PDB file of N, CA and C in Angstrom:
ATOM      1  N   MET A   1      44.564 119.478 137.433  1.00  0.00           N
ATOM      2  CA  MET A   1      45.660 120.263 137.929  1.00  0.00           C
ATOM      3  C   MET A   1      46.017 119.868 139.358  1.00  0.00           C
ATOM      4  N   GLU A   2      44.985 119.614 140.174  1.00  0.00           N
ATOM      5  CA  GLU A   2      45.265 119.215 141.553  1.00  0.00           C
ATOM      6  C   GLU A   2      45.949 117.850 141.603  1.00  0.00           C
ATOM      7  N   MET A   3      45.572 116.975 140.666  1.00  0.00           N
ATOM      8  CA  MET A   3      46.195 115.635 140.637  1.00  0.00           C
ATOM      9  C   MET A   3      47.689 115.753 140.283  1.00  0.00           C
ATOM     10  N   PHE A   4      47.985 116.631 139.348  1.00  0.00           N
ATOM     11  CA  PHE A   4      49.377 116.841 138.960  1.00  0.00           C
ATOM     12  C   PHE A   4      50.197 117.396 140.126  1.00  0.00           C
ATOM     13  N   LEU A   5      49.658 118.374 140.834  1.00  0.00           N
ATOM     14  CA  LEU A   5      50.373 118.945 141.978  1.00  0.00           C
ATOM     15  C   LEU A   5      50.558 117.916 143.089  1.00  0.00           C
ATOM     16  N   MET A   6      49.543 117.073 143.298  1.00  0.00           N
ATOM     17  CA  MET A   6      49.641 116.043 144.335  1.00  0.00           C
ATOM     18  C   MET A   6      50.721 115.019 143.950  1.00  0.00           C
ATOM     19  N   ALA A   7      50.764 114.616 142.683  1.00  0.00           N
ATOM     20  CA  ALA A   7      51.780 113.667 142.240  1.00  0.00           C
ATOM     21  C   ALA A   7      53.176 114.281 142.352  1.00  0.00           C
ATOM     22  N   LEU A   8      53.297 115.565 142.031  1.00  0.00           N
ATOM     23  CA  LEU A   8      54.573 116.249 142.134  1.00  0.00           C
ATOM     24  C   LEU A   8      55.048 116.323 143.589  1.00  0.00           C
ATOM     25  N   CYS A   9      54.143 116.641 144.508  1.00  0.00           N
ATOM     26  CA  CYS A   9      54.508 116.721 145.930  1.00  0.00           C
ATOM     27  C   CYS A   9      54.924 115.356 146.477  1.00  0.00           C
ATOM     28  N   VAL A  10      54.208 114.316 146.092  1.00  0.00           N
ATOM     29  CA  VAL A  10      54.552 112.968 146.561  1.00  0.00           C
ATOM     30  C   VAL A  10      55.906 112.548 145.998  1.00  0.00           C
ATOM     31  N   SER A  11      56.176 112.899 144.739  1.00  0.00           N
ATOM     32  CA  SER A  11      57.462 112.547 144.130  1.00  0.00           C
ATOM     33  C   SER A  11      58.610 113.263 144.824  1.00  0.00           C
ATOM     34  N   VAL A  12      58.436 114.554 145.115  1.00  0.00           N
ATOM     35  CA  VAL A  12      59.490 115.314 145.789  1.00  0.00           C
ATOM     36  C   VAL A  12      59.700 114.776 147.197  1.00  0.00           C
ATOM     37  N   PHE A  13      58.633 114.446 147.892  1.00  0.00           N
ATOM     38  CA  PHE A  13      58.748 113.885 149.239  1.00  0.00           C
ATOM     39  C   PHE A  13      59.487 112.536 149.197  1.00  0.00           C
ATOM     40  N   GLY A  14      59.156 111.685 148.224  1.00  0.00           N
ATOM     41  CA  GLY A  14      59.839 110.388 148.092  1.00  0.00           C
ATOM     42  C   GLY A  14      61.309 110.554 147.770  1.00  0.00           C
ATOM     43  N   LEU A  15      61.636 111.544 146.932  1.00  0.00           N
ATOM     44  CA  LEU A  15      63.028 111.813 146.602  1.00  0.00           C
ATOM     45  C   LEU A  15      63.797 112.285 147.833  1.00  0.00           C
ATOM     46  N   ALA A  16      63.190 113.129 148.645  1.00  0.00           N
ATOM     47  CA  ALA A  16      63.851 113.629 149.856  1.00  0.00           C
ATOM     48  C   ALA A  16      64.097 112.493 150.842  1.00  0.00           C
ATOM     49  N   VAL A  17      63.111 111.622 151.025  1.00  0.00           N
ATOM     50  CA  VAL A  17      63.275 110.488 151.941  1.00  0.00           C
ATOM     51  C   VAL A  17      64.382 109.566 151.445  1.00  0.00           C
ATOM     52  N   SER A  18      64.437 109.319 150.125  1.00  0.00           N
ATOM     53  CA  SER A  18      65.478 108.460 149.564  1.00  0.00           C
ATOM     54  C   SER A  18      66.863 109.074 149.759  1.00  0.00           C
ATOM     55  N   ALA A  19      66.983 110.385 149.569  1.00  0.00           N
ATOM     56  CA  ALA A  19      68.270 111.051 149.737  1.00  0.00           C
ATOM     57  C   ALA A  19      68.734 110.988 151.186  1.00  0.00           C
ATOM     58  N   ILE A  20      67.829 111.191 152.120  1.00  0.00           N
ATOM     59  CA  ILE A  20      68.196 111.121 153.539  1.00  0.00           C
ATOM     60  C   ILE A  20      68.620 109.713 153.914  1.00  0.00           C
ATOM     61  N   ALA A  21      67.907 108.707 153.418  1.00  0.00           N
ATOM     62  CA  ALA A  21      68.254 107.310 153.723  1.00  0.00           C
ATOM     63  C   ALA A  21      69.608 106.955 153.112  1.00  0.00           C
ATOM     64  N   PHE A  22      69.864 107.430 151.929  1.00  0.00           N
ATOM     65  CA  PHE A  22      71.140 107.130 151.267  1.00  0.00           C
ATOM     66  C   PHE A  22      72.312 107.765 152.011  1.00  0.00           C
ATOM     67  N   THR A  23      72.180 109.021 152.404  1.00  0.00           N
ATOM     68  CA  THR A  23      73.281 109.670 153.136  1.00  0.00           C
ATOM     69  C   THR A  23      73.500 109.018 154.496  1.00  0.00           C
ATOM     70  N   ALA A  24      72.435 108.583 155.143  1.00  0.00           N
ATOM     71  CA  ALA A  24      72.595 107.910 156.438  1.00  0.00           C
ATOM     72  C   ALA A  24      73.288 106.563 156.268  1.00  0.00           C
ATOM     73  N   ALA A  25      72.976 105.861 155.204  1.00  0.00           N
ATOM     74  CA  ALA A  25      73.582 104.542 154.993  1.00  0.00           C
ATOM     75  C   ALA A  25      75.052 104.652 154.609  1.00  0.00           C
ATOM     76  N   THR A  26      75.423 105.660 153.863  1.00  0.00           N
ATOM     77  CA  THR A  26      76.815 105.771 153.419  1.00  0.00           C
ATOM     78  C   THR A  26      77.690 106.524 154.402  1.00  0.00           C
ATOM     79  N   ARG A  27      77.137 107.253 155.329  1.00  0.00           N
ATOM     80  CA  ARG A  27      77.931 108.002 156.295  1.00  0.00           C
ATOM     81  C   ARG A  27      78.723 107.061 157.186  1.00  0.00           C
ATOM     82  N   GLU A  28      78.144 105.950 157.582  1.00  0.00           N
ATOM     83  CA  GLU A  28      78.841 105.011 158.471  1.00  0.00           C
ATOM     84  C   GLU A  28      80.017 104.358 157.767  1.00  0.00           C
ATOM     85  N   THR A  29      79.852 103.986 156.510  1.00  0.00           N
ATOM     86  CA  THR A  29      80.964 103.342 155.800  1.00  0.00           C
ATOM     87  C   THR A  29      82.056 104.347 155.483  1.00  0.00           C
ATOM     88  N   ARG A  30      81.697 105.604 155.250  1.00  0.00           N
ATOM     89  CA  ARG A  30      82.724 106.615 154.981  1.00  0.00           C
ATOM     90  C   ARG A  30      83.608 106.822 156.204  1.00  0.00           C
ATOM     91  N   SER A  31      83.028 106.935 157.382  1.00  0.00           N
ATOM     92  CA  SER A  31      83.839 107.172 158.580  1.00  0.00           C
ATOM     93  C   SER A  31      84.665 105.938 158.921  1.00  0.00           C
ATOM     94  N   ALA A  32      84.134 104.744 158.701  1.00  0.00           N
ATOM     95  CA  ALA A  32      84.899 103.528 158.967  1.00  0.00           C
ATOM     96  C   ALA A  32      86.061 103.404 157.991  1.00  0.00           C
ATOM     97  N   ASP A  33      85.838 103.732 156.722  1.00  0.00           N
ATOM     98  CA  ASP A  33      86.917 103.677 155.737  1.00  0.00           C
ATOM     99  C   ASP A  33      87.997 104.701 156.052  1.00  0.00           C
ATOM    100  N   ALA A  34      87.602 105.864 156.524  1.00  0.00           N
ATOM    101  CA  ALA A  34      88.574 106.909 156.850  1.00  0.00           C
ATOM    102  C   ALA A  34      89.433 106.481 158.041  1.00  0.00           C
ATOM    103  N   ASP A  35      88.833 105.832 159.027  1.00  0.00           N
ATOM    104  CA  ASP A  35      89.599 105.361 160.187  1.00  0.00           C
ATOM    105  C   ASP A  35      90.598 104.294 159.772  1.00  0.00           C
ATOM    106  N   GLU A  36      90.177 103.373 158.892  1.00  0.00           N
ATOM    107  CA  GLU A  36      91.080 102.305 158.451  1.00  0.00           C
ATOM    108  C   GLU A  36      92.238 102.875 157.635  1.00  0.00           C
ATOM    109  N   ARG A  37      91.962 103.853 156.795  1.00  0.00           N
ATOM    110  CA  ARG A  37      93.015 104.449 155.986  1.00  0.00           C
ATOM    111  C   ARG A  37      94.001 105.222 156.865  1.00  0.00           C
ATOM    112  N   ALA A  38      93.528 105.806 157.945  1.00  0.00           N
ATOM    113  CA  ALA A  38      94.419 106.561 158.826  1.00  0.00           C
ATOM    114  C   ALA A  38      95.360 105.623 159.568  1.00  0.00           C
ATOM    115  N   LYS A  39      94.923 104.399 159.848  1.00  0.00           N
ATOM    116  CA  LYS A  39      95.753 103.454 160.588  1.00  0.00           C
ATOM    117  C   LYS A  39      96.812 102.796 159.708  1.00  0.00           C
ATOM    118  N   GLN A  40      96.547 102.656 158.402  1.00  0.00           N
ATOM    119  CA  GLN A  40      97.487 101.981 157.513  1.00  0.00           C
ATOM    120  C   GLN A  40      98.638 102.910 157.147  1.00  0.00           C
ATOM    121  N   PRO A  41      99.863 102.360 157.095  1.00  0.00           N
ATOM    122  CA  PRO A  41     101.004 103.208 156.690  1.00  0.00           C
ATOM    123  C   PRO A  41     100.929 103.507 155.182  1.00  0.00           C
ATOM    124  N   VAL A  42     101.464 104.640 154.820  1.00  0.00           N
ATOM    125  CA  VAL A  42     101.476 105.049 153.414  1.00  0.00           C
ATOM    126  C   VAL A  42     102.656 104.374 152.731  1.00  0.00           C
ATOM    127  N   VAL A  43     102.391 103.682 151.635  1.00  0.00           N
ATOM    128  CA  VAL A  43     103.431 102.977 150.894  1.00  0.00           C
ATOM    129  C   VAL A  43     103.694 103.748 149.605  1.00  0.00           C
ATOM    130  N   HIS A  44     104.952 104.143 149.408  1.00  0.00           N
ATOM    131  CA  HIS A  44     105.334 104.844 148.181  1.00  0.00           C
ATOM    132  C   HIS A  44     105.983 103.831 147.241  1.00  0.00           C
ATOM    133  N   VAL A  45     105.415 103.703 146.063  1.00  0.00           N
ATOM    134  CA  VAL A  45     105.950 102.783 145.066  1.00  0.00           C
ATOM    135  C   VAL A  45     106.830 103.579 144.106  1.00  0.00           C
ATOM    136  N   PRO A  46     108.097 103.178 143.944  1.00  0.00           N
ATOM    137  CA  PRO A  46     108.954 103.923 143.008  1.00  0.00           C
ATOM    138  C   PRO A  46     108.491 103.664 141.572  1.00  0.00           C
ATOM    139  N   LEU A  47     108.440 104.719 140.798  1.00  0.00           N
ATOM    140  CA  LEU A  47     108.008 104.616 139.413  1.00  0.00           C
ATOM    141  C   LEU A  47     109.211 104.498 138.494  1.00  0.00           C
ATOM    142  N   GLU A  48     109.001 103.876 137.345  1.00  0.00           N
ATOM    143  CA  GLU A  48     110.069 103.773 136.365  1.00  0.00           C
ATOM    144  C   GLU A  48     110.305 105.138 135.730  1.00  0.00           C
ATOM    145  N   ALA A  49     111.466 105.306 135.184  1.00  0.00           N
ATOM    146  CA  ALA A  49     111.784 106.562 134.510  1.00  0.00           C
ATOM    147  C   ALA A  49     110.893 106.699 133.279  1.00  0.00           C
ATOM    148  N   PRO A  50     110.339 107.877 133.049  1.00  0.00           N
ATOM    149  CA  PRO A  50     109.482 108.044 131.874  1.00  0.00           C
ATOM    150  C   PRO A  50     110.294 107.897 130.593  1.00  0.00           C
ATOM    151  N   ARG A  51     109.678 107.265 129.611  1.00  0.00           N
ATOM    152  CA  ARG A  51     110.404 107.038 128.364  1.00  0.00           C
ATOM    153  C   ARG A  51     109.877 107.905 127.230  1.00  0.00           C
ATOM    154  N   PHE A  52     108.613 108.262 127.309  1.00  0.00           N
ATOM    155  CA  PHE A  52     108.036 109.039 126.216  1.00  0.00           C
ATOM    156  C   PHE A  52     108.507 110.484 126.270  1.00  0.00           C
ATOM    157  N   PHE A  53     108.504 111.074 127.448  1.00  0.00           N
ATOM    158  CA  PHE A  53     108.925 112.451 127.620  1.00  0.00           C
ATOM    159  C   PHE A  53     110.330 112.480 128.207  1.00  0.00           C
ATOM    160  N   ALA A  54     111.234 111.759 127.617  1.00  0.00           N
ATOM    161  CA  ALA A  54     112.602 111.683 128.114  1.00  0.00           C
ATOM    162  C   ALA A  54     113.326 112.996 127.834  1.00  0.00           C
ATOM    163  N   VAL A  55     114.278 113.310 128.702  1.00  0.00           N
ATOM    164  CA  VAL A  55     115.035 114.545 128.539  1.00  0.00           C
ATOM    165  C   VAL A  55     115.906 114.464 127.291  1.00  0.00           C
ATOM    166  N   ASN A  56     116.655 113.393 127.148  1.00  0.00           N
ATOM    167  CA  ASN A  56     117.515 113.197 125.984  1.00  0.00           C
ATOM    168  C   ASN A  56     117.147 111.871 125.315  1.00  0.00           C
ATOM    169  N   PRO A  57     116.108 111.866 124.489  1.00  0.00           N
ATOM    170  CA  PRO A  57     115.715 110.609 123.861  1.00  0.00           C
ATOM    171  C   PRO A  57     116.751 110.183 122.825  1.00  0.00           C
ATOM    172  N   PRO A  58     116.884 108.886 122.596  1.00  0.00           N
ATOM    173  CA  PRO A  58     117.842 108.442 121.577  1.00  0.00           C
ATOM    174  C   PRO A  58     117.369 108.892 120.191  1.00  0.00           C
ATOM    175  N   ARG A  59     118.288 109.378 119.411  1.00  0.00           N
ATOM    176  CA  ARG A  59     117.947 109.885 118.075  1.00  0.00           C
ATOM    177  C   ARG A  59     117.996 108.733 117.069  1.00  0.00           C
ATOM    178  N   PRO A  60     116.994 108.644 116.201  1.00  0.00           N
ATOM    179  CA  PRO A  60     117.036 107.582 115.190  1.00  0.00           C
ATOM    180  C   PRO A  60     118.117 107.860 114.156  1.00  0.00           C
ATOM    181  N   GLN A  61     118.621 106.791 113.595  1.00  0.00           N
ATOM    182  CA  GLN A  61     119.660 106.932 112.583  1.00  0.00           C
ATOM    183  C   GLN A  61     119.052 107.511 111.315  1.00  0.00           C
ATOM    184  N   ALA A  62     119.665 108.531 110.777  1.00  0.00           N
ATOM    185  CA  ALA A  62     119.194 109.119 109.526  1.00  0.00           C
ATOM    186  C   ALA A  62     119.601 108.213 108.370  1.00  0.00           C
ATOM    187  N   PRO A  63     118.735 108.075 107.381  1.00  0.00           N
ATOM    188  CA  PRO A  63     119.115 107.243 106.233  1.00  0.00           C
ATOM    189  C   PRO A  63     120.294 107.872 105.501  1.00  0.00           C
ATOM    190  N   PRO A  64     121.115 107.049 104.899  1.00  0.00           N
ATOM    191  CA  PRO A  64     122.277 107.618 104.208  1.00  0.00           C
ATOM    192  C   PRO A  64     121.826 108.487 103.030  1.00  0.00           C
ATOM    193  N   ARG A  65     122.536 109.566 102.825  1.00  0.00           N
ATOM    194  CA  ARG A  65     122.187 110.480 101.733  1.00  0.00           C
ATOM    195  C   ARG A  65     122.735 109.931 100.419  1.00  0.00           C
ATOM    196  N   VAL A  66     121.871 109.991  99.404  1.00  0.00           N
ATOM    197  CA  VAL A  66     122.253 109.529  98.078  1.00  0.00           C
ATOM    198  C   VAL A  66     122.525 110.763  97.230  1.00  0.00           C
ATOM    199  N   PRO A  67     123.619 110.775  96.512  1.00  0.00           N
ATOM    200  CA  PRO A  67     123.902 111.934  95.659  1.00  0.00           C
ATOM    201  C   PRO A  67     122.817 112.119  94.596  1.00  0.00           C
ATOM    202  N   VAL A  68     122.575 113.347  94.215  1.00  0.00           N
ATOM    203  CA  VAL A  68     121.535 113.677  93.244  1.00  0.00           C
ATOM    204  C   VAL A  68     121.847 113.037  91.892  1.00  0.00           C
ATOM    205  N   GLU A  69     123.132 112.933  91.534  1.00  0.00           N
ATOM    206  CA  GLU A  69     123.508 112.361  90.253  1.00  0.00           C
ATOM    207  C   GLU A  69     123.063 110.911  90.137  1.00  0.00           C
ATOM    208  N   VAL A  70     123.177 110.176  91.230  1.00  0.00           N
ATOM    209  CA  VAL A  70     122.756 108.770  91.227  1.00  0.00           C
ATOM    210  C   VAL A  70     121.253 108.665  91.010  1.00  0.00           C
ATOM    211  N   LEU A  71     120.488 109.520  91.670  1.00  0.00           N
ATOM    212  CA  LEU A  71     119.039 109.505  91.486  1.00  0.00           C
ATOM    213  C   LEU A  71     118.658 109.868  90.059  1.00  0.00           C
ATOM    214  N   LEU A  72     119.340 110.868  89.496  1.00  0.00           N
ATOM    215  CA  LEU A  72     119.050 111.251  88.120  1.00  0.00           C
ATOM    216  C   LEU A  72     119.367 110.125  87.141  1.00  0.00           C
ATOM    217  N   LEU A  73     120.466 109.420  87.363  1.00  0.00           N
ATOM    218  CA  LEU A  73     120.805 108.292  86.487  1.00  0.00           C
ATOM    219  C   LEU A  73     119.756 107.176  86.574  1.00  0.00           C
ATOM    220  N   GLN A  74     119.259 106.900  87.788  1.00  0.00           N
ATOM    221  CA  GLN A  74     118.217 105.881  87.938  1.00  0.00           C
ATOM    222  C   GLN A  74     116.937 106.293  87.231  1.00  0.00           C
ATOM    223  N   LEU A  75     116.562 107.575  87.354  1.00  0.00           N
ATOM    224  CA  LEU A  75     115.356 108.056  86.680  1.00  0.00           C
ATOM    225  C   LEU A  75     115.505 108.011  85.165  1.00  0.00           C
ATOM    226  N   GLU A  76     116.679 108.404  84.651  1.00  0.00           N
ATOM    227  CA  GLU A  76     116.903 108.356  83.210  1.00  0.00           C
ATOM    228  C   GLU A  76     116.818 106.921  82.693  1.00  0.00           C
ATOM    229  N   ARG A  77     117.386 105.979  83.433  1.00  0.00           N
ATOM    230  CA  ARG A  77     117.332 104.571  83.024  1.00  0.00           C
ATOM    231  C   ARG A  77     115.890 104.077  83.022  1.00  0.00           C
ATOM    232  N   HIS A  78     115.136 104.463  84.048  1.00  0.00           N
ATOM    233  CA  HIS A  78     113.738 104.052  84.124  1.00  0.00           C
ATOM    234  C   HIS A  78     112.938 104.617  82.947  1.00  0.00           C
ATOM    235  N   VAL A  79     113.161 105.885  82.615  1.00  0.00           N
ATOM    236  CA  VAL A  79     112.440 106.502  81.497  1.00  0.00           C
ATOM    237  C   VAL A  79     112.808 105.817  80.185  1.00  0.00           C
ATOM    238  N   ARG A  80     114.088 105.506  79.990  1.00  0.00           N
ATOM    239  CA  ARG A  80     114.509 104.817  78.757  1.00  0.00           C
ATOM    240  C   ARG A  80     113.857 103.440  78.637  1.00  0.00           C
ATOM    241  N   LEU A  81     113.792 102.701  79.766  1.00  0.00           N
ATOM    242  CA  LEU A  81     113.170 101.370  79.727  1.00  0.00           C
ATOM    243  C   LEU A  81     111.668 101.472  79.443  1.00  0.00           C
ATOM    244  N   GLU A  82     111.013 102.458  80.014  1.00  0.00           N
ATOM    245  CA  GLU A  82     109.575 102.632  79.763  1.00  0.00           C
ATOM    246  C   GLU A  82     109.328 103.050  78.312  1.00  0.00           C
ATOM    247  N   GLN A  83     110.176 103.901  77.771  1.00  0.00           N
ATOM    248  CA  GLN A  83     110.025 104.297  76.366  1.00  0.00           C
ATOM    249  C   GLN A  83     110.254 103.111  75.434  1.00  0.00           C
ATOM    250  N   ALA A  84     111.222 102.273  75.766  1.00  0.00           N
ATOM    251  CA  ALA A  84     111.472 101.087  74.950  1.00  0.00           C
ATOM    252  C   ALA A  84     110.277 100.138  75.009  1.00  0.00           C
ATOM    253  N   ALA A  85     109.663  99.992  76.187  1.00  0.00           N
ATOM    254  CA  ALA A  85     108.486  99.125  76.304  1.00  0.00           C
ATOM    255  C   ALA A  85     107.324  99.691  75.502  1.00  0.00           C
ATOM    256  N   ALA A  86     107.150 101.006  75.494  1.00  0.00           N
ATOM    257  CA  ALA A  86     106.065 101.628  74.728  1.00  0.00           C
ATOM    258  C   ALA A  86     106.306 101.471  73.228  1.00  0.00           C
ATOM    259  N   GLU A  87     107.560 101.638  72.780  1.00  0.00           N
ATOM    260  CA  GLU A  87     107.865 101.470  71.361  1.00  0.00           C
ATOM    261  C   GLU A  87     107.657 100.045  70.909  1.00  0.00           C
ATOM    262  N   SER A  88     108.037  99.070  71.750  1.00  0.00           N
ATOM    263  CA  SER A  88     107.821  97.669  71.372  1.00  0.00           C
ATOM    264  C   SER A  88     106.336  97.345  71.299  1.00  0.00           C
ATOM    265  N   PHE A  89     105.515  97.983  72.145  1.00  0.00           N
ATOM    266  CA  PHE A  89     104.065  97.767  72.069  1.00  0.00           C
ATOM    267  C   PHE A  89     103.491  98.412  70.808  1.00  0.00           C
ATOM    268  N   LEU A  90     104.005  99.598  70.446  1.00  0.00           N
ATOM    269  CA  LEU A  90     103.504 100.247  69.237  1.00  0.00           C
ATOM    270  C   LEU A  90     103.887  99.485  67.977  1.00  0.00           C
ATOM    271  N   ASN A  91     105.064  98.832  67.993  1.00  0.00           N
ATOM    272  CA  ASN A  91     105.492  98.037  66.835  1.00  0.00           C
ATOM    273  C   ASN A  91     104.666  96.763  66.699  1.00  0.00           C
ATOM    274  N   ASP A  92     104.322  96.130  67.795  1.00  0.00           N
ATOM    275  CA  ASP A  92     103.554  94.878  67.758  1.00  0.00           C
ATOM    276  C   ASP A  92     102.516  94.923  68.882  1.00  0.00           C
ATOM    277  N   PRO A  93     101.370  95.601  68.650  1.00  0.00           N
ATOM    278  CA  PRO A  93     100.375  95.710  69.718  1.00  0.00           C
ATOM    279  C   PRO A  93      99.662  94.378  69.952  1.00  0.00           C
ATOM    280  N   SER A  94      99.699  93.929  71.201  1.00  0.00           N
ATOM    281  CA  SER A  94      98.970  92.719  71.601  1.00  0.00           C
ATOM    282  C   SER A  94      98.680  92.822  73.101  1.00  0.00           C
ATOM    283  N   ALA A  95      97.751  91.995  73.562  1.00  0.00           N
ATOM    284  CA  ALA A  95      97.411  92.004  74.984  1.00  0.00           C
ATOM    285  C   ALA A  95      98.582  91.517  75.823  1.00  0.00           C
ATOM    286  N   ARG A  96      99.333  90.574  75.272  1.00  0.00           N
ATOM    287  CA  ARG A  96     100.492  90.054  75.998  1.00  0.00           C
ATOM    288  C   ARG A  96     101.553  91.140  76.179  1.00  0.00           C
ATOM    289  N   ALA A  97     101.811  91.917  75.153  1.00  0.00           N
ATOM    290  CA  ALA A  97     102.804  92.989  75.234  1.00  0.00           C
ATOM    291  C   ALA A  97     102.313  94.123  76.139  1.00  0.00           C
ATOM    292  N   LEU A  98     100.999  94.326  76.164  1.00  0.00           N
ATOM    293  CA  LEU A  98     100.452  95.391  76.991  1.00  0.00           C
ATOM    294  C   LEU A  98     100.593  95.083  78.483  1.00  0.00           C
ATOM    295  N   HIS A  99     100.419  93.817  78.836  1.00  0.00           N
ATOM    296  CA  HIS A  99     100.444  93.431  80.258  1.00  0.00           C
ATOM    297  C   HIS A  99     101.771  92.826  80.692  1.00  0.00           C
ATOM    298  N   SER A 100     102.807  92.944  79.877  1.00  0.00           N
ATOM    299  CA  SER A 100     104.112  92.393  80.275  1.00  0.00           C
ATOM    300  C   SER A 100     104.754  93.309  81.310  1.00  0.00           C
ATOM    301  N   ARG A 101     105.562  92.714  82.151  1.00  0.00           N
ATOM    302  CA  ARG A 101     106.240  93.468  83.209  1.00  0.00           C
ATOM    303  C   ARG A 101     107.456  94.165  82.644  1.00  0.00           C
ATOM    304  N   THR A 102     107.760  95.305  83.234  1.00  0.00           N
ATOM    305  CA  THR A 102     108.938  96.054  82.830  1.00  0.00           C
ATOM    306  C   THR A 102     110.157  95.558  83.596  1.00  0.00           C
ATOM    307  N   THR A 103     111.332  95.832  83.064  1.00  0.00           N
ATOM    308  CA  THR A 103     112.553  95.412  83.747  1.00  0.00           C
ATOM    309  C   THR A 103     113.138  96.505  84.618  1.00  0.00           C
ATOM    310  N   SER A 104     112.420  97.609  84.753  1.00  0.00           N
ATOM    311  CA  SER A 104     112.915  98.714  85.559  1.00  0.00           C
ATOM    312  C   SER A 104     112.863  98.366  87.040  1.00  0.00           C
ATOM    313  N   PRO A 105     113.919  98.664  87.814  1.00  0.00           N
ATOM    314  CA  PRO A 105     113.899  98.369  89.247  1.00  0.00           C
ATOM    315  C   PRO A 105     113.026  99.349  90.044  1.00  0.00           C
ATOM    316  N   LEU A 106     112.600 100.444  89.430  1.00  0.00           N
ATOM    317  CA  LEU A 106     111.796 101.434  90.154  1.00  0.00           C
ATOM    318  C   LEU A 106     110.315 101.068  90.211  1.00  0.00           C
ATOM    319  N   VAL A 107     109.890 100.071  89.455  1.00  0.00           N
ATOM    320  CA  VAL A 107     108.486  99.655  89.442  1.00  0.00           C
ATOM    321  C   VAL A 107     108.331  98.512  90.424  1.00  0.00           C
ATOM    322  N   HIS A 108     107.312  98.599  91.257  1.00  0.00           N
ATOM    323  CA  HIS A 108     107.091  97.554  92.261  1.00  0.00           C
ATOM    324  C   HIS A 108     106.339  96.405  91.653  1.00  0.00           C
TER     325      HIS A 108
END
């Protein structure tokens, strides 16, 4: 127990000496830096106008609206083409017919 207390006291004493030495070493550079900064003129650099938080940002163009009838006609055509492909596969089932591409423009 005495050895532990002695090691603790020596460690605290070493830490205190290190802290005092560190503050003494940095105090001189702090005051010198402060004097140099006081002598230099302050330079203001103009900043560019912010673009992200703009007051009136440019609005993106909205995509043109497509009438619902046109979309329904495209879907009906796609369904008819898919049904025709399924019927042709049922009439003549083969691997080639199963993996053939459709002619529908809606399939990527």
